[in-house]
Amino acid sequence: MIEDNPIYRDMVLIEIEPCAAETMRVIGMAEKYVARNKLQKGQVWCVYDKDSFPASDFNGVVSRAEQLNKENPELQYHAAWSNECIEFWFLLHFAYYTSDNHRTEYISFLNEKFKGLGLGKYQKNMKNVFDILMEKGNPKLAIRYARRIIEDGRYKTPTEIAPGTKVYELVEELAKYLPENVRTDFLE
């Protein structure tokens, strides 16, 4: 949708580099990408889940990003983490949820919600999950819920904010570049 917005079409470049790696490798791969492409300014977003990775690695991405941001204030790294999994972010589109459960509970919630909406069963890596969340969920509420959870855990490490997600920060940033009629679905 950003590419369809004539205002930002030639100003915003979004490249997605999937890496399916453990947490510290995600930021390491981001650093290699920046070096390989000689990037000097912009934003680099590392999106990752807690899963079963050690707390030191999960929290370590945030620490490494902060360190890199001091080295070059024009090139900012961001950690858009989910504790425990991305499905928690999806769930927030339908309900305010604060129970620290295993990812299977979040997936079960999504299965029930999707079935109730006549969408069948939720499946990992669904190609149309964005459309479903936009049409059947509430992105603005998901952002509000995620922000509230992070604010409530403001003195905790990412590992200690369970459940929690900072994916909303990436969504807010990207929403700035959406066409006006869509942007209002995300931003207050």
Protein backbone atom coordinates (compact mmCIF):
# COMPACT_ATOMS: atom_id res chain seq x y z
CA MET A 1 0.00 0.00 0.00
CA ILE A 2 2.92 2.36 0.61
CA GLU A 3 4.13 1.75 -2.93
CA ASP A 4 0.63 2.70 -4.15
CA ASN A 5 0.77 6.02 -2.30
CA PRO A 6 2.02 8.57 -4.87
CA ILE A 7 3.35 10.86 -2.14
CA TYR A 8 5.85 8.32 -0.78
CA ARG A 9 6.25 5.88 -3.67
CA ASP A 10 9.69 7.21 -4.61
CA MET A 11 10.77 8.31 -1.13
CA VAL A 12 10.30 5.19 0.99
CA LEU A 13 12.16 2.00 0.23
CA ILE A 14 11.17 -1.09 2.16
CA GLU A 15 13.26 -4.21 1.80
CA ILE A 16 12.48 -7.35 3.72
CA GLU A 17 15.33 -9.74 4.43
CA PRO A 18 13.90 -12.92 5.95
CA CYS A 19 16.43 -14.79 8.02
CA ALA A 20 14.57 -17.28 10.26
CA ALA A 21 17.40 -17.15 12.77
CA GLU A 22 17.85 -16.94 16.50
CA THR A 23 17.60 -13.49 18.03
CA MET A 24 21.21 -12.29 18.09
CA ARG A 25 21.77 -13.56 14.56
CA VAL A 26 18.87 -11.37 13.41
CA ILE A 27 20.64 -8.16 14.40
CA GLY A 28 23.96 -9.55 13.19
CA MET A 29 22.44 -10.18 9.78
CA ALA A 30 20.98 -6.66 9.84
CA GLU A 31 24.44 -5.23 10.52
CA LYS A 32 25.88 -7.24 7.61
CA TYR A 33 23.08 -6.01 5.35
CA VAL A 34 23.84 -2.40 6.31
CA ALA A 35 27.57 -2.88 5.68
CA ARG A 36 27.05 -4.74 2.38
CA ASN A 37 24.72 -2.01 1.08
CA LYS A 38 26.78 0.85 2.57
CA LEU A 39 23.75 2.37 4.30
CA GLN A 40 24.47 5.56 6.23
CA LYS A 41 21.01 6.75 7.18
CA GLY A 42 17.55 5.37 7.64
CA GLN A 43 15.90 2.79 9.82
CA VAL A 44 16.64 -0.89 10.27
CA TRP A 45 13.95 -2.97 11.95
CA CYS A 46 14.75 -6.34 13.48
CA VAL A 47 11.54 -8.32 13.93
CA TYR A 48 11.86 -11.44 16.07
CA ASP A 49 10.13 -13.65 18.62
CA LYS A 50 11.19 -14.80 22.06
CA ASP A 51 10.27 -18.43 21.39
CA SER A 52 12.59 -20.51 23.56
CA PHE A 53 15.72 -18.39 23.14
CA PRO A 54 17.70 -17.44 26.24
CA ALA A 55 16.77 -14.18 27.97
CA SER A 56 20.30 -12.82 27.42
CA ASP A 57 19.96 -13.23 23.65
CA PHE A 58 16.41 -11.91 23.50
CA ASN A 59 17.30 -8.81 25.55
CA GLY A 60 20.67 -8.59 23.82
CA VAL A 61 19.15 -7.43 20.54
CA VAL A 62 17.72 -4.35 22.24
CA SER A 63 21.08 -3.62 23.88
CA ARG A 64 22.97 -4.07 20.61
CA ALA A 65 20.51 -1.80 18.78
CA GLU A 66 20.99 0.92 21.41
CA GLN A 67 24.77 0.61 21.06
CA LEU A 68 24.61 0.85 17.26
CA ASN A 69 22.30 3.87 17.45
CA LYS A 70 24.91 5.78 19.46
CA GLU A 71 27.54 5.07 16.79
CA ASN A 72 25.47 6.60 13.99
CA PRO A 73 22.41 8.64 15.00
CA GLU A 74 21.35 8.90 11.34
CA LEU A 75 21.01 5.12 11.01
CA GLN A 76 18.67 3.81 13.67
CA TYR A 77 18.16 0.17 14.57
CA HIS A 78 14.87 -0.89 16.15
CA ALA A 79 13.93 -4.11 17.90
CA ALA A 80 10.33 -5.08 17.11
CA TRP A 81 10.14 -8.13 19.35
CA SER A 82 7.25 -10.34 20.41
CA ASN A 83 7.26 -12.27 23.64
CA GLU A 84 6.44 -15.07 23.07
CA CYS A 85 5.48 -15.07 19.39
CA ILE A 86 4.07 -12.98 16.54
CA GLU A 87 0.68 -14.57 17.11
CA PHE A 88 0.41 -12.46 20.25
CA TRP A 89 0.46 -9.33 18.06
CA PHE A 90 -2.24 -10.84 15.84
CA LEU A 91 -4.37 -11.72 18.88
CA LEU A 92 -4.32 -8.10 20.06
CA HIS A 93 -6.30 -7.16 16.95
CA PHE A 94 -9.26 -8.93 18.56
CA ALA A 95 -8.84 -8.61 22.34
CA TYR A 96 -6.86 -7.09 25.17
CA TYR A 97 -4.92 -10.06 26.50
CA THR A 98 -2.36 -10.16 29.30
CA SER A 99 -2.09 -13.83 30.26
CA ASP A 100 1.44 -15.15 29.93
CA ASN A 101 0.68 -18.37 28.11
CA HIS A 102 2.55 -20.65 25.76
CA ARG A 103 2.29 -19.83 22.06
CA THR A 104 -0.08 -22.75 21.58
CA GLU A 105 -2.69 -20.82 23.61
CA TYR A 106 -2.36 -17.77 21.35
CA ILE A 107 -2.70 -19.95 18.27
CA SER A 108 -5.73 -21.68 19.81
CA PHE A 109 -7.32 -18.24 20.43
CA LEU A 110 -6.69 -17.28 16.80
CA ASN A 111 -8.12 -20.58 15.57
CA GLU A 112 -11.34 -19.99 17.49
CA LYS A 113 -11.56 -16.36 16.34
CA PHE A 114 -10.87 -17.19 12.69
CA LYS A 115 -13.40 -20.05 12.72
CA GLY A 116 -15.99 -17.76 14.34
CA LEU A 117 -15.44 -15.26 11.55
CA GLY A 118 -15.89 -17.98 8.92
CA LEU A 119 -12.22 -17.87 7.91
CA GLY A 120 -11.29 -21.45 8.72
CA LYS A 121 -8.27 -22.24 10.82
CA TYR A 122 -5.38 -19.85 11.53
CA GLN A 123 -2.15 -21.09 9.99
CA LYS A 124 1.40 -19.87 10.51
CA ASN A 125 2.69 -17.85 7.53
CA MET A 126 -0.76 -17.22 6.07
CA LYS A 127 -0.37 -15.04 2.99
CA ASN A 128 -3.54 -13.07 3.73
CA VAL A 129 -3.09 -12.51 7.48
CA PHE A 130 -2.60 -8.75 6.95
CA ASP A 131 -5.88 -8.49 5.06
CA ILE A 132 -7.69 -10.52 7.72
CA LEU A 133 -6.34 -8.36 10.54
CA MET A 134 -7.29 -5.20 8.63
CA GLU A 135 -10.79 -6.32 7.68
CA LYS A 136 -11.85 -8.41 10.67
CA GLY A 137 -9.59 -7.12 13.43
CA ASN A 138 -8.83 -3.65 14.74
CA PRO A 139 -5.25 -2.45 14.09
CA LYS A 140 -5.79 0.78 16.04
CA LEU A 141 -6.87 -1.17 19.12
CA ALA A 142 -4.00 -3.63 18.70
CA ILE A 143 -1.56 -0.72 18.81
CA ARG A 144 -3.28 0.76 21.85
CA TYR A 145 -3.30 -2.61 23.67
CA ALA A 146 0.35 -3.36 22.84
CA ARG A 147 1.44 0.13 23.94
CA ARG A 148 -0.44 -0.26 27.25
CA ILE A 149 1.25 -3.59 27.96
CA ILE A 150 4.70 -2.13 27.21
CA GLU A 151 3.95 0.92 29.35
CA ASP A 152 2.86 -1.30 32.23
CA GLY A 153 6.20 -3.11 31.96
CA ARG A 154 8.33 -0.01 31.42
CA TYR A 155 10.88 -0.95 34.09
CA LYS A 156 11.20 -4.54 32.91
CA THR A 157 13.40 -6.17 30.30
CA PRO A 158 11.78 -7.48 27.11
CA THR A 159 11.99 -11.02 28.48
CA GLU A 160 10.11 -9.97 31.62
CA ILE A 161 7.27 -8.38 29.62
CA ALA A 162 5.33 -11.55 28.98
CA PRO A 163 3.26 -11.37 27.01
CA GLY A 164 4.31 -8.29 25.12
CA THR A 165 5.22 -7.00 21.70
CA LYS A 166 6.90 -3.99 20.17
CA VAL A 167 5.70 -4.81 16.65
CA TYR A 168 3.24 -1.95 17.10
CA GLU A 169 6.16 0.52 16.81
CA LEU A 170 7.01 -0.80 13.34
CA VAL A 171 3.35 -0.70 12.33
CA GLU A 172 3.03 2.90 13.54
CA GLU A 173 6.13 3.89 11.57
CA LEU A 174 4.93 2.23 8.37
CA ALA A 175 1.40 3.62 8.79
CA LYS A 176 2.77 7.15 8.42
CA TYR A 177 3.36 6.40 4.74
CA LEU A 178 0.01 4.82 3.93
CA PRO A 179 -2.66 6.58 1.91
CA GLU A 180 -4.75 8.82 4.19
CA ASN A 181 -7.88 6.69 3.93
CA VAL A 182 -5.97 3.65 5.26
CA ARG A 183 -3.73 5.49 7.73
CA THR A 184 -6.72 6.29 9.92
CA ASP A 185 -7.18 2.55 10.57
CA PHE A 186 -3.86 2.60 12.44
CA LEU A 187 -3.17 5.99 13.94
CA GLU A 188 -5.12 8.00 16.51
